Protein backbone atom coordinates (compact mmCIF):
# COMPACT_ATOMS: atom_id res chain seq x y z
CA UNK A 1 -0.22 0.03 0.24
CA UNK A 2 1.30 3.46 -0.68
CA UNK A 3 1.83 5.75 2.24
CA UNK A 4 -0.89 8.76 2.25
CA UNK A 5 -0.47 11.83 4.27
CA UNK A 6 -3.08 14.36 4.49
CA UNK A 7 -3.20 17.77 5.28
CA UNK A 8 -6.14 20.56 6.09
CA UNK A 9 -6.07 23.65 3.51
CA UNK A 10 -6.90 27.00 4.32
CA UNK A 11 -10.05 27.43 2.70
CA UNK A 12 -11.49 31.15 2.11
CA UNK A 13 -14.81 32.04 1.66
CA UNK A 14 -15.50 32.44 -2.04
CA UNK A 15 -16.50 36.02 -2.41
CA UNK A 16 -12.85 36.54 -0.29
CA UNK A 17 -11.12 34.73 -2.74
CA UNK A 18 -12.94 36.28 -6.06
CA UNK A 19 -11.88 39.71 -4.41
CA UNK A 20 -8.54 38.49 -4.08
CA UNK A 21 -7.95 37.10 -7.53
CA UNK A 22 -9.66 39.94 -9.22
CA UNK A 23 -7.00 42.30 -7.53
CA UNK A 24 -4.42 40.27 -8.63
CA UNK A 25 -5.34 39.44 -12.21
CA UNK A 26 -5.52 43.17 -13.24
CA UNK A 27 -1.78 43.41 -12.73
CA UNK A 28 -1.08 40.70 -15.40
CA UNK A 29 -4.17 41.13 -17.69
CA UNK A 30 -6.13 44.24 -19.49
CA UNK A 31 -9.23 42.84 -18.77
CA UNK A 32 -10.13 40.27 -15.63
CA UNK A 33 -13.42 39.83 -14.11
CA UNK A 34 -13.82 37.39 -11.14
CA UNK A 35 -17.35 36.58 -9.48
CA UNK A 36 -19.15 33.79 -7.42
CA UNK A 37 -21.65 31.94 -9.94
CA UNK A 38 -23.60 28.74 -10.00
CA UNK A 39 -20.90 26.35 -11.63
CA UNK A 40 -22.47 25.49 -15.42
CA UNK A 41 -23.68 22.11 -16.56
CA UNK A 42 -20.35 20.56 -17.24
CA UNK A 43 -21.94 17.58 -18.98
CA UNK A 44 -22.75 20.30 -21.86
CA UNK A 45 -20.48 21.00 -24.49
CA UNK A 46 -17.44 22.42 -24.76
CA UNK A 47 -16.79 20.14 -21.49
CA UNK A 48 -18.61 17.05 -22.20
CA UNK A 49 -17.51 15.54 -18.45
CA UNK A 50 -19.51 12.79 -17.02
CA UNK A 51 -20.05 15.13 -13.80
CA UNK A 52 -22.61 18.13 -13.54
CA UNK A 53 -19.95 20.43 -11.75
CA UNK A 54 -16.93 20.47 -9.46
CA UNK A 55 -18.57 21.20 -6.12
CA UNK A 56 -18.59 18.77 -2.79
CA UNK A 57 -15.84 17.64 -0.81
CA UNK A 58 -13.17 19.40 -2.92
CA UNK A 59 -9.91 18.00 -2.41
CA UNK A 60 -6.73 17.86 -4.13
CA UNK A 61 -4.62 14.17 -4.53
CA UNK A 62 -0.68 14.95 -5.33
CA UNK A 63 0.22 11.11 -6.27
CA UNK A 64 3.99 9.68 -6.93
CA UNK A 65 5.77 12.54 -8.39
CA UNK A 66 8.54 13.74 -10.97
CA UNK A 67 11.59 12.04 -9.51
CA UNK A 68 9.67 8.80 -10.72
CA UNK A 69 9.93 9.63 -14.10
CA UNK A 70 13.24 11.77 -14.02
CA UNK A 71 16.51 11.18 -14.04
CA UNK A 72 15.28 7.58 -15.03
CA UNK A 73 11.97 6.02 -15.32
CA UNK A 74 10.79 3.69 -12.59
CA UNK A 75 8.18 1.82 -14.58
CA UNK A 76 6.53 0.11 -11.53
CA UNK A 77 5.05 3.33 -10.24
CA UNK A 78 1.36 2.28 -11.50
CA UNK A 79 -1.88 3.85 -10.04
CA UNK A 80 -5.49 3.72 -10.35
CA UNK A 81 -7.89 6.37 -10.02
CA UNK A 82 -10.88 4.27 -8.06
CA UNK A 83 -7.86 3.41 -5.79
CA UNK A 84 -7.04 7.33 -5.33
CA UNK A 85 -10.52 8.20 -4.71
CA UNK A 86 -10.71 5.77 -1.72
CA UNK A 87 -7.15 6.99 -0.51
CA UNK A 88 -8.75 10.27 -0.48
CA UNK A 89 -11.78 9.26 1.54
CA UNK A 90 -14.18 9.88 -1.37
CA UNK A 91 -15.25 7.16 -3.25
CA UNK A 92 -17.71 7.44 -6.15
CA UNK A 93 -15.41 11.07 -6.80
CA UNK A 94 -15.41 12.96 -9.82
CA UNK A 95 -11.56 13.67 -11.00
CA UNK A 96 -9.90 15.97 -12.81
CA UNK A 97 -6.46 17.28 -13.21
CA UNK A 98 -2.98 16.08 -15.52
CA UNK A 99 -0.78 13.02 -14.89
CA UNK A 100 0.96 10.60 -17.12
CA UNK A 101 -0.70 7.72 -18.85
CA UNK A 102 0.59 4.21 -17.59
CA UNK A 103 2.88 2.71 -20.03
CA UNK A 104 1.89 -0.42 -18.73
CA UNK A 105 -1.55 -0.11 -20.76
CA UNK A 106 -0.94 2.12 -23.46
CA UNK A 107 2.45 1.16 -24.73
CA UNK A 108 4.20 3.89 -24.78
CA UNK A 109 5.07 7.24 -22.70
CA UNK A 110 1.90 9.84 -22.95
CA UNK A 111 0.22 12.58 -21.25
CA UNK A 112 -3.14 11.71 -19.55
CA UNK A 113 -5.94 14.29 -19.15
CA UNK A 114 -7.86 12.51 -16.74
CA UNK A 115 -11.52 13.31 -16.39
CA UNK A 116 -12.93 10.32 -14.56
CA UNK A 117 -16.14 9.75 -12.55
CA UNK A 118 -14.32 7.00 -10.56
CA UNK A 119 -16.60 3.68 -9.12
CA UNK A 120 -19.00 3.78 -6.26
CA UNK A 121 -20.88 0.89 -4.60
CA UNK A 122 -23.81 2.24 -7.11
CA UNK A 123 -22.03 2.64 -10.12
CA UNK A 124 -19.18 1.58 -12.52
CA UNK A 125 -16.47 4.23 -13.38
CA UNK A 126 -17.27 6.68 -16.02
CA UNK A 127 -13.80 7.41 -17.81
CA UNK A 128 -13.66 11.05 -19.98
CA UNK A 129 -10.25 11.12 -20.00
CA UNK A 130 -8.05 11.78 -23.09
CA UNK A 131 -4.60 10.81 -23.93
CA UNK A 132 -1.94 12.75 -25.51
CA UNK A 133 0.83 11.37 -27.51
CA UNK A 134 3.49 11.69 -30.45
CA UNK A 135 2.02 10.76 -33.68
CA UNK A 136 4.36 7.91 -35.14
CA UNK A 137 3.14 8.80 -38.56
CA UNK A 138 3.85 12.10 -38.67
CA UNK A 139 5.37 13.27 -35.17
CA UNK A 140 2.74 15.65 -34.41
CA UNK A 141 0.01 15.56 -31.56
CA UNK A 142 -1.95 12.66 -31.55
CA UNK A 143 -5.01 13.09 -29.14
CA UNK A 144 -7.54 10.40 -28.24
CA UNK A 145 -10.36 9.64 -26.08
CA UNK A 146 -9.28 7.36 -23.68
CA UNK A 147 -12.46 4.95 -23.39
CA UNK A 148 -12.05 4.36 -27.41
CA UNK A 149 -9.21 2.00 -26.43
CA UNK A 150 -9.00 1.14 -22.94
CA UNK A 151 -11.42 0.49 -20.15
CA UNK A 152 -9.13 1.04 -16.88
CA UNK A 153 -8.69 4.04 -14.96
CA UNK A 154 -5.19 3.33 -14.62
CA UNK A 155 -2.39 5.71 -14.73
CA UNK A 156 1.82 5.91 -13.95
CA UNK A 157 4.23 7.97 -12.37
CA UNK A 158 2.40 10.82 -11.39
CA UNK A 159 -0.68 12.81 -11.21
CA UNK A 160 -1.98 15.94 -9.48
CA UNK A 161 -5.76 15.78 -8.85
CA UNK A 162 -8.62 17.90 -8.01
CA UNK A 163 -11.49 15.64 -7.19
CA UNK A 164 -15.15 16.27 -5.79
CA UNK A 165 -18.36 14.94 -5.37
CA UNK A 166 -18.73 16.46 -9.02
CA UNK A 167 -22.14 18.33 -7.77
CA UNK A 168 -23.81 21.64 -9.00
CA UNK A 169 -23.04 24.57 -6.61
CA UNK A 170 -21.32 28.16 -6.52
CA UNK A 171 -17.98 28.07 -7.77
CA UNK A 172 -15.47 30.90 -8.81
CA UNK A 173 -15.78 32.00 -12.42
CA UNK A 174 -12.54 33.89 -13.65
CA UNK A 175 -12.53 35.90 -16.95
CA UNK A 176 -9.44 37.32 -18.15
CA UNK A 177 -8.42 38.59 -21.57
CA UNK A 178 -5.35 40.51 -23.11
CA UNK A 179 -2.22 39.13 -20.99
CA UNK A 180 -0.03 41.99 -20.02
CA UNK A 181 2.18 40.49 -17.81
CA UNK A 182 5.09 37.75 -17.77
CA UNK A 183 3.00 35.18 -15.68
CA UNK A 184 1.05 31.75 -17.21
CA UNK A 185 -2.57 32.26 -16.28
CA UNK A 186 -2.06 29.12 -13.77
CA UNK A 187 0.95 30.91 -12.26
CA UNK A 188 -0.57 33.77 -12.15
CA UNK A 189 -3.36 32.38 -9.92
CA UNK A 190 -1.26 30.40 -7.79
CA UNK A 191 1.07 33.13 -7.17
CA UNK A 192 -1.88 35.64 -6.57
CA UNK A 193 -2.82 33.11 -3.84
CA UNK A 194 0.57 32.80 -2.14
CA UNK A 195 1.39 36.18 -1.98
CA UNK A 196 -2.24 36.93 -0.46
CA UNK A 197 -2.17 33.84 1.99
CA UNK A 198 1.40 33.53 2.65
CA UNK A 199 1.97 30.36 5.15
CA UNK A 200 -1.78 29.55 4.78
CA UNK A 201 -1.56 27.33 2.23
CA UNK A 202 -4.39 27.39 -0.33
CA UNK A 203 -5.43 24.66 -2.61
CA UNK A 204 -7.96 25.11 -6.09
CA UNK A 205 -8.74 22.96 -8.98
CA UNK A 206 -11.41 22.94 -11.53
CA UNK A 207 -11.21 24.17 -15.16
CA UNK A 208 -10.82 26.68 -17.94
CA UNK A 209 -11.25 27.10 -21.26
CA UNK A 210 -8.71 29.13 -23.46
CA UNK A 211 -11.31 30.36 -25.67
CA UNK A 212 -9.05 32.19 -28.10
CA UNK A 213 -5.37 32.49 -29.28
CA UNK A 214 -2.75 29.54 -29.26
CA UNK A 215 -0.92 28.30 -26.07
CA UNK A 216 2.36 26.49 -26.23
CA UNK A 217 1.97 22.80 -24.92
CA UNK A 218 4.15 19.37 -24.91
CA UNK A 219 3.81 15.96 -25.12
CA UNK A 220 6.10 13.72 -23.90
CA UNK A 221 7.95 11.50 -26.50
CA UNK A 222 6.96 7.81 -26.63
CA UNK A 223 10.39 6.82 -25.58
CA UNK A 224 11.41 7.18 -21.66
CA UNK A 225 14.91 8.45 -22.25
CA UNK A 226 17.59 6.15 -21.73
CA UNK A 227 19.96 8.61 -20.49
CA UNK A 228 19.67 10.44 -17.52
CA UNK A 229 18.14 13.81 -17.40
CA UNK A 230 19.69 15.68 -14.89
CA UNK A 231 18.44 19.12 -15.63
CA UNK A 232 15.68 21.55 -16.83
CA UNK A 233 17.29 21.83 -20.49
CA UNK A 234 17.37 18.03 -20.66
CA UNK A 235 14.28 17.90 -19.72
CA UNK A 236 13.19 20.69 -22.23
CA UNK A 237 15.43 19.20 -24.83
CA UNK A 238 13.57 15.41 -24.64
CA UNK A 239 10.06 17.08 -24.37
CA UNK A 240 8.14 17.95 -27.81
CA UNK A 241 6.81 21.36 -28.04
CA UNK A 242 3.73 22.33 -30.22
CA UNK A 243 1.70 25.39 -30.55
CA UNK A 244 -2.15 24.86 -30.20
CA UNK A 245 -4.95 26.76 -30.80
CA UNK A 246 -8.31 27.41 -29.05
CA UNK A 247 -10.34 26.26 -28.13
CA UNK A 248 -8.50 24.07 -25.10
CA UNK A 249 -10.10 22.94 -22.38
CA UNK A 250 -7.82 22.67 -19.47
CA UNK A 251 -7.58 21.46 -16.05
CA UNK A 252 -5.57 22.83 -13.28
CA UNK A 253 -4.40 21.90 -10.18
CA UNK A 254 -2.69 24.65 -8.17
CA UNK A 255 -1.48 24.88 -4.62
CA UNK A 256 -0.23 28.26 -3.32
CA UNK A 257 2.42 26.99 -1.11
CA UNK A 258 3.85 23.38 -0.38
CA UNK A 259 3.25 22.96 3.30
CA UNK A 260 6.30 20.51 3.16
CA UNK A 261 4.85 17.26 1.13
CA UNK A 262 7.11 17.75 -1.79
CA UNK A 263 4.17 18.92 -4.41
CA UNK A 264 4.14 19.87 -7.50
CA UNK A 265 2.55 23.48 -6.99
CA UNK A 266 0.98 23.52 -10.24
CA UNK A 267 0.25 21.60 -12.95
CA UNK A 268 -2.55 21.90 -15.90
CA UNK A 269 -3.19 19.77 -19.45
CA UNK A 270 -5.50 20.39 -21.85
CA UNK A 271 -7.44 18.65 -24.38
CA UNK A 272 -9.94 20.10 -27.67
CA UNK A 273 -12.13 18.75 -29.86
CA UNK A 274 -10.04 19.17 -32.68
CA UNK A 275 -7.01 16.73 -32.05
CA UNK A 276 -4.74 18.88 -30.04
CA UNK A 277 -3.94 18.55 -26.27
CA UNK A 278 -0.78 17.92 -23.81
CA UNK A 279 0.63 19.77 -20.64
CA UNK A 280 0.07 23.42 -20.67
CA UNK A 281 2.78 26.10 -20.58
CA UNK A 282 1.69 29.47 -21.71
CA UNK A 283 -0.56 30.83 -24.38
CA UNK A 284 1.47 32.50 -27.35
CA UNK A 285 -0.77 35.42 -28.48
CA UNK A 286 -1.07 37.72 -25.35
CA UNK A 287 -2.94 40.37 -27.14
CA UNK A 288 -5.89 38.13 -28.24
CA UNK A 289 -6.28 35.62 -25.58
CA UNK A 290 -9.17 34.86 -23.80
CA UNK A 291 -9.35 32.86 -20.45
CA UNK A 292 -12.86 31.66 -18.90
CA UNK A 293 -12.23 29.49 -16.06
CA UNK A 294 -14.25 27.94 -12.80
CA UNK A 295 -12.46 27.12 -9.81
CA UNK A 296 -12.89 26.15 -6.13
CA UNK A 297 -10.95 26.00 -3.17
CA UNK A 298 -9.74 22.52 -1.71
CA UNK A 299 -10.51 21.70 1.82
CA UNK A 300 -7.82 18.90 2.14
CA UNK A 301 -4.89 17.72 0.46
CA UNK A 302 -3.29 14.00 0.34
CA UNK A 303 0.14 12.96 -0.72
CA UNK A 304 0.17 9.60 -2.09
CA UNK A 305 3.13 7.77 -2.31
CA UNK A 306 5.70 10.63 -1.82
CA UNK A 307 9.40 9.82 -3.76
CA UNK A 308 11.58 9.38 -0.78
CA UNK A 309 14.75 10.69 -3.21
CA UNK A 310 13.58 13.66 -4.61
CA UNK A 311 14.66 16.90 -6.79
CA UNK A 312 13.03 20.10 -8.34
CA UNK A 313 13.94 19.38 -11.93
CA UNK A 314 11.30 18.90 -14.57
CA UNK A 315 8.37 20.77 -12.56
CA UNK A 316 6.85 23.29 -15.06
């Protein structure tokens, strides 16, 4: 059994959080509006998620970690989203986030965009995940619906997950247009929280759409590196980068500050309905970019199978 550690986040009210984010976003975007709204029905376009919302016992799970991928891969590190739901004391949870596909199942290294209503006593799991890999035919991005080929809920190496009961409810809506600062959308949100809440870690997750513009994303190559990847430069030379076009539907997991669990404090994967997806870095069209997001602060953090030997390489 993997070791599970638990931590209670500071949970501000939605109204307070909206005010904090609104003020901070104005420093990084030409136009920003943050408000408390009813969560839209996420079973509808463009999301098509297996759950209606992101509310109900919100929590974050950081599973495994980058040290299981680099400097050299530890392929035996495999996990299951249904088991994670039990580990975080929320069987049947609706899970969103960013992780690595199980190479044991898929046969190659690939990006996983997890979107899963995990199994409960009454219902089987509904897997709405996507997988992004390098297309062997043209070396471009190949984005596929996971359930079109596989029937499990396995993943490998690492994942950053936002989990809830998948209920409707009040959430924070963020609209941000025209990026004027250097930070990407997710880093901007995280740093606003860190600056305001300081020593009190705040966790946040949900989904956002890049409605207009383009973004830089990466997809991991199909083969794990045979040479140790010891620096960020090594990692970036190994990864395959692409400019992808809107609309992109993105699943961010954000922790304002690591309270000592060797966390990846931000991690975002995206999918689309036009065949592009992967790991979000930043938009490449600051003048025209438009973001629309729905977020909720998490109550609890669960750290699952934390690597004993760690490093800070490859955490972008």
